[in-house]
N, C-alpha and C. Protein backbone atom coordinates (compact mmCIF):
# COMPACT_ATOMS: atom_id res chain seq x y z
N MET A 1 31.66 25.77 -49.32
CA MET A 1 32.18 26.29 -47.91
C MET A 1 33.21 27.71 -48.34
N THR A 2 33.19 28.73 -47.49
CA THR A 2 33.38 29.84 -47.98
C THR A 2 35.00 29.70 -47.47
N GLN A 3 35.90 30.25 -47.94
CA GLN A 3 37.23 29.97 -47.41
C GLN A 3 37.68 31.31 -46.58
N GLN A 4 38.13 30.98 -45.22
CA GLN A 4 38.45 31.70 -44.20
C GLN A 4 40.04 32.43 -44.35
N THR A 5 39.75 33.56 -44.22
CA THR A 5 40.95 34.68 -44.16
C THR A 5 42.02 34.27 -43.75
N GLU A 6 43.44 34.19 -43.51
CA GLU A 6 44.91 33.42 -43.18
C GLU A 6 45.63 34.14 -43.13
N MET A 7 46.44 34.30 -41.93
CA MET A 7 47.34 35.34 -41.93
C MET A 7 48.51 34.86 -40.66
N GLU A 8 49.48 35.14 -40.97
CA GLU A 8 50.82 34.43 -40.52
C GLU A 8 52.04 35.35 -39.90
N ILE A 9 51.79 35.20 -38.77
CA ILE A 9 52.91 35.80 -37.96
C ILE A 9 53.60 35.46 -37.37
N ALA A 10 54.77 36.29 -37.66
CA ALA A 10 56.01 35.33 -36.52
C ALA A 10 56.28 33.66 -36.73
N GLY A 11 55.60 33.52 -37.90
CA GLY A 11 55.53 31.88 -38.12
C GLY A 11 54.07 30.95 -37.33
N VAL A 12 53.20 31.89 -37.20
CA VAL A 12 51.84 31.37 -36.69
C VAL A 12 51.16 31.44 -37.34
N LYS A 13 50.31 30.97 -37.91
CA LYS A 13 48.95 31.07 -38.75
C LYS A 13 47.82 31.43 -37.96
N PHE A 14 46.95 32.22 -38.16
CA PHE A 14 45.67 32.75 -37.31
C PHE A 14 44.70 32.64 -38.64
N LYS A 15 43.63 32.45 -38.51
CA LYS A 15 42.10 32.08 -39.29
C LYS A 15 41.08 32.76 -38.87
N GLY A 16 40.36 33.45 -39.43
CA GLY A 16 39.13 33.83 -39.25
C GLY A 16 38.77 35.14 -37.90
N GLY A 17 37.94 34.29 -36.87
CA GLY A 17 37.88 35.30 -35.91
C GLY A 17 39.28 35.31 -34.69
N LYS A 18 40.10 34.42 -34.84
CA LYS A 18 41.42 34.99 -34.27
C LYS A 18 42.45 35.79 -34.55
N ILE A 19 42.15 36.19 -35.71
CA ILE A 19 42.90 37.23 -36.76
C ILE A 19 42.38 38.58 -35.83
N PHE A 20 41.17 38.47 -35.76
CA PHE A 20 40.53 39.73 -34.92
C PHE A 20 41.03 39.75 -33.56
N LEU A 21 41.37 38.78 -33.04
CA LEU A 21 41.72 38.83 -31.09
C LEU A 21 42.84 39.13 -31.64
N VAL A 22 44.20 39.01 -32.31
CA VAL A 22 45.14 39.01 -32.33
C VAL A 22 45.51 40.45 -32.55
N LEU A 23 44.85 41.03 -33.78
CA LEU A 23 44.79 42.30 -34.14
C LEU A 23 44.34 43.31 -32.45
N THR A 24 43.52 42.88 -31.80
CA THR A 24 42.86 43.48 -30.88
C THR A 24 43.46 43.67 -29.49
N ALA A 25 44.67 42.40 -29.33
CA ALA A 25 45.65 42.39 -28.41
C ALA A 25 47.12 43.35 -28.97
N LEU A 26 47.41 43.30 -30.10
CA LEU A 26 48.44 44.24 -30.88
C LEU A 26 48.30 45.60 -30.43
N THR A 27 47.06 45.92 -30.89
CA THR A 27 46.71 47.66 -31.07
C THR A 27 46.56 47.61 -29.07
N THR A 28 45.89 47.10 -28.42
CA THR A 28 45.84 47.01 -26.60
C THR A 28 47.38 47.43 -26.26
N VAL A 29 48.43 46.45 -26.85
CA VAL A 29 49.51 46.49 -26.35
C VAL A 29 50.43 47.58 -26.94
N GLY A 30 49.78 47.73 -28.29
CA GLY A 30 50.44 49.53 -28.89
C GLY A 30 50.30 50.37 -27.93
N GLY A 31 48.50 50.96 -27.65
CA GLY A 31 48.08 51.86 -27.38
C GLY A 31 48.75 52.14 -25.93
N GLY A 32 48.83 50.83 -25.16
CA GLY A 32 49.47 51.05 -23.87
C GLY A 32 50.87 51.55 -23.59
N LEU A 33 51.43 51.12 -24.91
CA LEU A 33 53.17 51.71 -24.90
C LEU A 33 52.99 53.12 -24.89
N TRP A 34 52.38 53.27 -25.86
CA TRP A 34 51.87 54.90 -26.31
C TRP A 34 51.70 55.97 -25.04
N ALA A 35 50.70 55.09 -23.90
CA ALA A 35 49.97 55.87 -22.88
C ALA A 35 51.19 56.11 -22.36
N GLY A 36 51.90 54.86 -21.65
CA GLY A 36 53.34 54.72 -20.80
C GLY A 36 54.34 55.99 -21.09
N PHE A 37 54.50 56.27 -22.74
CA PHE A 37 55.21 57.20 -23.01
C PHE A 37 54.70 58.84 -22.80
N GLU A 38 53.38 58.77 -23.14
CA GLU A 38 53.01 60.24 -22.66
C GLU A 38 53.02 60.66 -20.99
N PHE A 39 52.79 59.73 -20.38
CA PHE A 39 52.99 59.37 -19.12
C PHE A 39 54.33 59.88 -18.35
N TYR A 40 55.28 59.51 -19.42
CA TYR A 40 56.61 59.64 -18.58
C TYR A 40 57.10 60.91 -19.33
N LYS A 41 56.28 61.36 -20.39
CA LYS A 41 56.77 62.59 -20.79
C LYS A 41 56.06 64.03 -20.01
N ASP A 42 54.78 63.51 -19.55
CA ASP A 42 54.20 64.46 -18.83
C ASP A 42 55.22 64.72 -17.40
N TYR A 43 55.37 63.11 -16.99
CA TYR A 43 56.17 63.33 -15.65
C TYR A 43 57.45 64.14 -15.78
N MET A 44 58.20 64.15 -16.87
CA MET A 44 59.07 64.61 -16.70
C MET A 44 58.89 66.18 -17.17
N ASP A 45 58.09 66.95 -17.63
CA ASP A 45 57.58 68.10 -17.57
C ASP A 45 57.36 68.56 -16.25
N MET A 46 56.17 67.58 -15.27
CA MET A 46 56.17 68.50 -14.34
C MET A 46 57.33 67.90 -13.31
N LYS A 47 58.48 67.46 -13.26
CA LYS A 47 59.59 67.35 -12.63
C LYS A 47 60.37 68.58 -13.06
N ALA A 48 60.40 69.15 -14.21
CA ALA A 48 61.01 70.34 -14.64
C ALA A 48 60.68 71.62 -13.63
N ILE A 49 59.24 71.50 -13.96
CA ILE A 49 58.28 72.56 -13.34
C ILE A 49 58.29 72.65 -11.93
N ILE A 50 58.36 71.62 -10.96
CA ILE A 50 58.40 71.29 -9.77
C ILE A 50 59.83 71.66 -9.02
N GLN A 51 61.00 71.88 -9.94
CA GLN A 51 62.30 72.03 -9.57
C GLN A 51 62.23 73.42 -10.01
N THR A 52 61.62 74.16 -10.73
CA THR A 52 61.81 75.35 -10.62
C THR A 52 60.95 76.37 -9.72
N ILE A 53 59.76 75.48 -9.06
CA ILE A 53 58.95 76.47 -8.11
C ILE A 53 59.88 76.69 -6.85
N ASP A 54 59.75 77.97 -6.62
CA ASP A 54 60.21 78.41 -4.97
C ASP A 54 59.46 78.02 -4.00
N THR A 55 60.09 77.51 -3.49
CA THR A 55 59.22 76.90 -2.01
C THR A 55 59.72 78.07 -1.15
N ASP A 56 60.46 78.81 -1.27
CA ASP A 56 60.49 79.59 -0.28
C ASP A 56 59.55 80.72 -0.48
N ALA A 57 59.07 81.39 -1.50
CA ALA A 57 58.07 82.14 -1.90
C ALA A 57 56.75 81.74 -1.62
N ILE A 58 56.36 80.46 -1.78
CA ILE A 58 54.86 79.85 -1.41
C ILE A 58 54.94 79.98 -0.06
N GLU A 59 55.83 79.64 0.71
CA GLU A 59 55.80 79.60 2.40
C GLU A 59 55.72 81.37 2.58
N ALA A 60 56.57 82.06 2.39
CA ALA A 60 56.57 83.38 2.34
C ALA A 60 55.02 83.96 2.50
N ARG A 61 54.09 83.58 1.28
CA ARG A 61 52.95 84.09 0.56
C ARG A 61 51.83 83.17 1.68
N ASN A 62 52.03 82.22 1.89
CA ASN A 62 51.20 81.44 2.64
C ASN A 62 51.05 82.31 4.13
N LYS A 63 52.62 82.49 4.56
CA LYS A 63 52.77 83.24 6.12
C LYS A 63 51.64 84.50 5.52
N GLN A 64 52.04 85.45 4.34
CA GLN A 64 50.83 86.51 4.70
C GLN A 64 49.54 86.34 3.95
N LEU A 65 49.15 85.11 4.12
CA LEU A 65 47.96 84.69 3.80
C LEU A 65 47.43 84.10 5.66
N ASP A 66 48.55 83.74 6.08
CA ASP A 66 47.77 83.11 7.59
C ASP A 66 47.75 84.40 7.81
N ILE A 67 48.26 85.80 8.31
CA ILE A 67 48.71 87.07 9.14
C ILE A 67 46.87 87.50 8.67
N LYS A 68 47.00 87.64 7.13
CA LYS A 68 45.97 88.16 6.46
C LYS A 68 44.41 87.44 7.45
N LEU A 69 44.58 85.96 7.28
CA LEU A 69 43.48 85.63 7.65
C LEU A 69 43.27 85.76 9.04
N GLU A 70 44.17 85.70 9.63
CA GLU A 70 44.06 86.34 11.36
C GLU A 70 43.11 87.44 11.71
N GLN A 71 44.22 88.21 10.80
CA GLN A 71 43.59 89.59 11.00
C GLN A 71 41.79 89.90 10.40
N ALA A 72 41.70 89.10 9.36
CA ALA A 72 40.17 88.95 9.25
C ALA A 72 39.52 88.66 10.24
N ILE A 73 39.83 87.37 10.77
CA ILE A 73 39.31 86.81 11.82
C ILE A 73 38.73 87.59 12.96
N ASP A 74 39.94 88.33 13.23
CA ASP A 74 40.00 89.52 14.77
C ASP A 74 38.84 90.52 14.40
N TYR A 75 39.04 91.15 12.85
CA TYR A 75 38.08 91.82 12.32
C TYR A 75 36.61 91.74 12.53
N THR A 76 36.40 90.15 12.22
CA THR A 76 35.16 89.80 12.10
C THR A 76 34.65 89.66 13.53
N ARG A 77 35.85 89.05 14.41
CA ARG A 77 35.23 88.91 16.02
C ARG A 77 34.98 90.02 16.65
N ASP A 78 35.47 91.82 15.87
CA ASP A 78 35.14 92.65 16.84
C ASP A 78 33.93 93.04 16.14
N ILE A 79 33.73 93.14 14.83
CA ILE A 79 32.03 93.15 13.91
C ILE A 79 31.01 92.51 14.83
N LYS A 80 31.44 91.27 15.18
CA LYS A 80 30.56 90.31 16.30
C LYS A 80 30.29 90.85 17.35
N THR A 81 31.23 91.26 17.67
CA THR A 81 31.09 91.95 19.42
C THR A 81 30.39 93.55 19.58
N GLY A 82 30.50 94.35 18.42
CA GLY A 82 29.84 95.53 18.28
C GLY A 82 28.71 95.02 17.76
N LEU A 83 28.41 94.47 16.93
CA LEU A 83 27.01 94.27 16.82
C LEU A 83 26.28 93.31 17.87
N ARG A 84 26.52 92.57 18.53
CA ARG A 84 25.93 92.14 19.95
C ARG A 84 25.62 93.11 20.66
N ASP A 85 26.63 93.82 21.09
CA ASP A 85 26.56 95.20 21.67
C ASP A 85 25.39 96.22 21.42
N ASP A 86 25.58 96.57 19.91
CA ASP A 86 24.46 97.30 19.37
C ASP A 86 22.89 96.43 19.54
N ILE A 87 23.06 95.34 19.30
CA ILE A 87 21.72 94.52 19.41
C ILE A 87 21.19 94.81 20.90
N LEU A 88 21.99 94.23 21.73
CA LEU A 88 21.87 94.40 23.43
C LEU A 88 20.92 95.71 23.62
N GLY A 89 21.91 96.94 23.17
CA GLY A 89 21.44 98.13 23.44
C GLY A 89 19.89 98.49 22.67
N ILE A 90 19.80 98.07 21.76
CA ILE A 90 18.58 98.47 21.18
C ILE A 90 17.26 97.25 21.57
N GLU A 91 17.67 96.07 22.49
CA GLU A 91 16.61 95.27 23.33
C GLU A 91 16.11 96.13 24.24
N LYS A 92 17.65 96.68 24.83
CA LYS A 92 17.34 97.81 25.91
C LYS A 92 16.48 98.74 25.83
N GLN A 93 16.46 99.54 24.75
CA GLN A 93 15.83 100.46 24.14
C GLN A 93 14.16 100.21 23.73
N VAL A 94 14.53 98.72 23.57
CA VAL A 94 12.86 98.42 23.29
C VAL A 94 11.98 98.08 24.42
N ASP A 95 13.16 97.61 25.17
CA ASP A 95 12.41 97.38 26.52
C ASP A 95 11.84 98.58 27.27
N ARG A 96 12.93 99.91 27.37
CA ARG A 96 12.09 100.69 27.86
C ARG A 96 11.01 101.69 27.53
N MET A 97 10.72 101.44 26.11
CA MET A 97 10.24 101.74 25.35
C MET A 97 8.29 100.93 25.54
N GLU A 98 8.79 99.54 25.80
CA GLU A 98 7.63 98.84 25.84
C GLU A 98 7.24 99.21 27.40
N ASP A 99 7.96 99.70 28.27
CA ASP A 99 7.51 99.84 30.01
C ASP A 99 6.66 101.62 29.53
N LYS A 100 7.37 102.39 28.80
CA LYS A 100 6.38 103.78 28.71
C LYS A 100 5.65 103.30 27.86
N LEU A 101 5.15 102.48 27.19
CA LEU A 101 4.12 102.37 26.43
C LEU A 101 3.15 101.79 27.38
N ARG A 102 3.26 100.72 27.94
CA ARG A 102 2.93 100.11 28.93
C ARG A 102 2.09 101.37 30.19
N LYS A 103 2.93 101.91 30.67
CA LYS A 103 2.20 102.98 31.62
C LYS A 103 1.60 103.99 30.90
N SER A 104 1.99 104.34 29.67
CA SER A 104 1.37 105.43 29.29
C SER A 104 -0.23 104.81 28.71
N GLU A 105 -0.37 103.42 28.78
CA GLU A 105 -1.42 103.05 28.04
C GLU A 105 -2.36 102.77 29.50
N GLU A 106 -1.83 102.45 30.65
CA GLU A 106 -2.49 102.45 31.69
C GLU A 106 -2.92 103.86 32.36
N ILE A 107 -2.18 104.46 32.13
CA ILE A 107 -2.68 106.34 32.27
C ILE A 107 -4.01 106.81 31.35
N GLN A 108 -3.86 106.40 30.09
CA GLN A 108 -4.99 107.00 29.07
C GLN A 108 -6.42 105.66 29.48
N ARG A 109 -6.17 104.57 30.21
CA ARG A 109 -7.13 104.01 30.32
C ARG A 109 -7.66 104.83 31.90
N GLY A 110 -7.15 104.91 32.75
CA GLY A 110 -7.72 105.83 33.68
C GLY A 110 -8.10 106.60 33.82
N ILE A 111 -7.76 107.65 32.66
CA ILE A 111 -8.12 108.97 31.87
C ILE A 111 -9.66 108.55 31.34
N ILE A 112 -9.83 107.25 30.86
CA ILE A 112 -11.01 106.78 29.63
C ILE A 112 -11.72 106.93 31.06
N GLN A 113 -11.60 105.78 31.98
CA GLN A 113 -12.40 105.48 32.93
C GLN A 113 -12.76 106.53 33.63
N ASN A 114 -11.87 107.33 34.09
CA ASN A 114 -12.51 108.59 35.15
C ASN A 114 -13.59 109.51 33.96
N ALA A 115 -13.06 109.64 32.55
CA ALA A 115 -13.95 110.17 32.00
C ALA A 115 -15.28 109.57 31.97
N GLU A 116 -15.19 108.65 31.79
CA GLU A 116 -16.52 107.73 31.87
C GLU A 116 -17.64 107.65 33.01
N GLU A 117 -16.61 107.77 34.07
CA GLU A 117 -17.37 107.95 35.20
C GLU A 117 -18.15 108.98 35.52
N ARG A 118 -17.48 110.38 35.08
CA ARG A 118 -17.92 112.04 35.31
C ARG A 118 -18.83 111.93 34.24
N PHE A 119 -18.84 111.10 32.78
CA PHE A 119 -19.95 111.25 31.99
C PHE A 119 -21.45 110.69 32.60
N GLU A 120 -21.04 109.28 32.71
CA GLU A 120 -22.33 108.84 33.88
C GLU A 120 -22.80 109.73 34.78
N ASN A 121 -21.78 110.46 35.69
CA ASN A 121 -22.32 111.12 36.96
C ASN A 121 -23.13 112.40 36.45
N LYS A 122 -22.73 112.83 35.34
CA LYS A 122 -23.03 114.16 35.25
C LYS A 122 -24.24 113.70 34.21
N ARG A 123 -24.42 112.79 33.59
CA ARG A 123 -25.72 111.91 33.50
C ARG A 123 -26.77 111.72 34.01
N ASP A 124 -26.41 111.02 34.98
CA ASP A 124 -27.33 110.77 36.41
C ASP A 124 -27.90 112.25 36.85
N ALA A 125 -26.66 113.09 37.03
CA ALA A 125 -27.14 114.58 37.46
C ALA A 125 -28.06 115.46 36.90
N LEU A 126 -28.06 114.90 35.39
CA LEU A 126 -28.92 115.91 34.65
C LEU A 126 -30.28 115.15 34.33
N GLN A 127 -30.43 113.90 34.79
CA GLN A 127 -31.59 113.34 34.68
C GLN A 127 -32.31 113.99 36.02
N ASN A 128 -31.11 113.65 37.48
CA ASN A 128 -32.17 114.17 38.39
C ASN A 128 -32.67 115.20 38.30
N ASP A 129 -31.58 116.32 37.78
CA ASP A 129 -32.30 117.67 37.54
C ASP A 129 -33.82 117.47 36.66
N TYR A 130 -33.81 116.82 35.78
CA TYR A 130 -35.07 116.84 35.23
C TYR A 130 -35.96 116.36 35.60
N ASN A 131 -35.88 115.11 36.20
CA ASN A 131 -36.57 114.58 37.10
C ASN A 131 -37.83 115.73 37.80
N GLN A 132 -36.54 116.29 39.00
CA GLN A 132 -36.99 117.88 39.86
C GLN A 132 -37.71 118.52 39.30
N SER A 133 -37.08 118.85 37.99
CA SER A 133 -37.74 120.15 37.30
C SER A 133 -39.43 119.63 36.59
N ALA A 134 -39.25 118.24 36.20
CA ALA A 134 -40.45 117.76 35.81
C ALA A 134 -41.53 117.78 37.01
N ASN A 135 -41.20 117.53 38.48
CA ASN A 135 -41.79 117.17 39.49
C ASN A 135 -42.32 118.18 39.49
N ARG A 136 -41.72 119.15 39.78
CA ARG A 136 -41.45 120.73 40.37
C ARG A 136 -42.99 121.33 39.14
N LEU A 137 -42.50 121.10 38.00
CA LEU A 137 -43.77 122.28 37.19
C LEU A 137 -45.06 120.86 37.05
N LYS A 138 -44.97 119.69 37.34
CA LYS A 138 -45.93 118.78 37.65
C LYS A 138 -46.82 119.38 39.09
N GLU A 139 -46.15 119.60 40.07
CA GLU A 139 -46.49 120.17 41.00
C GLU A 139 -47.00 121.42 41.37
N GLN A 140 -46.32 122.20 40.23
CA GLN A 140 -46.54 123.64 39.83
C GLN A 140 -48.22 123.53 39.52
N SER A 141 -48.12 123.22 38.41
CA SER A 141 -49.22 122.93 37.28
C SER A 141 -50.71 122.24 38.41
N THR A 142 -50.36 121.09 39.05
CA THR A 142 -51.36 120.83 39.96
C THR A 142 -51.55 121.54 40.89
N GLN A 143 -50.59 122.64 41.49
CA GLN A 143 -51.09 123.50 42.73
C GLN A 143 -51.80 124.91 41.83
N ARG A 144 -51.59 125.34 40.64
CA ARG A 144 -52.01 125.89 40.22
C ARG A 144 -53.58 125.55 39.87
N SER A 145 -53.77 124.43 39.16
CA SER A 145 -54.73 123.89 39.18
C SER A 145 -56.09 123.99 40.38
N ASP A 146 -55.08 123.48 41.03
CA ASP A 146 -56.21 123.17 42.94
C ASP A 146 -56.17 124.99 43.10
N ASP A 147 -55.46 125.63 43.02
CA ASP A 147 -55.42 127.01 43.34
C ASP A 147 -56.95 127.48 42.31
N ILE A 148 -56.35 127.60 40.93
CA ILE A 148 -57.86 127.91 40.12
C ILE A 148 -59.12 127.39 40.76
N THR A 149 -59.11 126.02 41.18
CA THR A 149 -60.25 125.78 41.03
C THR A 149 -61.00 125.86 42.49
N ALA A 150 -60.33 126.09 43.51
CA ALA A 150 -60.11 126.64 44.81
C ALA A 150 -60.71 128.05 44.69
N GLN A 151 -60.29 128.91 43.77
CA GLN A 151 -60.53 130.38 43.24
C GLN A 151 -62.33 130.37 42.94
N VAL A 152 -62.40 129.29 41.44
CA VAL A 152 -63.69 129.36 40.82
C VAL A 152 -64.50 128.86 42.01
N LYS A 153 -64.31 128.15 43.10
CA LYS A 153 -65.57 127.46 44.03
C LYS A 153 -65.93 128.66 44.88
N ARG A 154 -64.35 129.55 45.01
CA ARG A 154 -64.84 130.19 46.12
C ARG A 154 -65.61 131.82 45.37
N ASP A 155 -65.26 131.83 44.33
CA ASP A 155 -66.01 132.74 43.23
C ASP A 155 -67.39 132.38 43.20
N MET A 156 -67.62 131.04 42.79
CA MET A 156 -68.88 130.51 42.63
C MET A 156 -69.64 131.14 43.80
N LYS A 157 -69.17 130.15 45.00
CA LYS A 157 -69.78 130.64 46.18
C LYS A 157 -70.20 132.15 46.58
N GLU A 158 -69.14 132.79 46.43
CA GLU A 158 -69.40 134.29 46.52
C GLU A 158 -70.58 134.86 45.72
N LEU A 159 -70.29 134.11 44.47
CA LEU A 159 -71.52 134.92 43.53
C LEU A 159 -72.88 134.15 43.88
N GLU A 160 -72.88 133.03 44.68
CA GLU A 160 -74.41 132.18 44.89
C GLU A 160 -74.66 132.96 46.34
N LEU A 161 -73.98 133.57 46.96
CA LEU A 161 -74.24 133.88 48.08
C LEU A 161 -74.65 135.41 47.50
N ARG A 162 -74.26 136.24 46.70
CA ARG A 162 -74.88 137.44 46.03
C ARG A 162 -75.95 137.20 45.69
N LEU A 163 -76.25 136.34 44.64
CA LEU A 163 -77.22 135.64 43.90
C LEU A 163 -78.42 135.65 44.97
N ASN A 164 -78.32 135.12 46.18
CA ASN A 164 -79.26 134.74 47.04
C ASN A 164 -79.41 135.61 47.61
N LYS A 165 -78.78 136.62 48.30
CA LYS A 165 -78.94 137.83 48.89
C LYS A 165 -79.80 138.32 47.90
N ARG A 166 -79.70 138.53 46.55
CA ARG A 166 -80.38 139.16 45.84
C ARG A 166 -82.01 138.93 45.72
N LEU A 167 -81.70 137.27 45.64
CA LEU A 167 -83.02 136.72 45.35
C LEU A 167 -84.19 136.53 47.01
N GLN A 168 -83.13 136.87 48.19
CA GLN A 168 -83.99 136.94 49.13
C GLN A 168 -84.66 138.29 49.40
N ARG A 169 -83.47 139.52 49.28
CA ARG A 169 -84.15 140.95 49.14
C ARG A 169 -85.54 141.30 48.53
N ALA A 170 -85.41 140.33 46.92
CA ALA A 170 -86.43 139.86 46.05
C ALA A 170 -87.56 139.62 46.79
N LEU A 171 -87.59 138.59 47.42
CA LEU A 171 -88.60 137.78 47.88
C LEU A 171 -89.17 138.39 48.80
N ASP A 172 -88.05 138.91 49.82
CA ASP A 172 -89.05 140.15 51.15
C ASP A 172 -89.06 141.01 50.79
N ASN A 173 -89.12 141.65 49.73
CA ASN A 173 -89.72 142.57 49.49
C ASN A 173 -90.27 142.96 47.83
N PRO A 174 -91.31 142.13 47.59
CA PRO A 174 -91.93 141.92 46.33
C PRO A 174 -92.30 143.32 45.57
N LEU A 175 -92.60 144.80 46.28
CA LEU A 175 -92.63 145.71 45.70
C LEU A 175 -91.96 146.64 44.97
N ALA A 176 -90.75 145.88 45.68
CA ALA A 176 -89.63 146.97 45.02
C ALA A 176 -89.08 146.78 43.97
N ASN A 177 -89.52 145.95 43.22
CA ASN A 177 -89.07 145.93 41.75
C ASN A 177 -90.36 146.24 41.08
């Protein structure tokens, strides 16, 4: 068997693992006392600092900050109101421009439609003029052809008549030749 370490504190003997427990308890109590002392020291330091604080100066500073904050809020409201008025003005101008654009668009569409109608009418008129000219040329050509044919027929008849006359004269008077 191994021999265990033994410790005596205030007439009480402790062996093995119990020593560890006793040491832990003692260090915990010591640490707690030390922490309490530090807290008390910090408390006393804070108390001295708090006693030197000028609450009137802090209150005056807070009033100044409140005044500046109110001024900033009023200024922000003024900016907001100004921006809202500017936006409303811009919206009105945009609406007016949209109305002008619509009117201009309608006018342009009317002009384009009018031009299309004029172009169609002009094209139709030109087509009619072309067709009339072609028909006139055709009629003139036919008329000339008919006139030439009639002239040729008349000339042929005349020639035939003259030939017949000569032939008849030659036949009537065989000795003349």
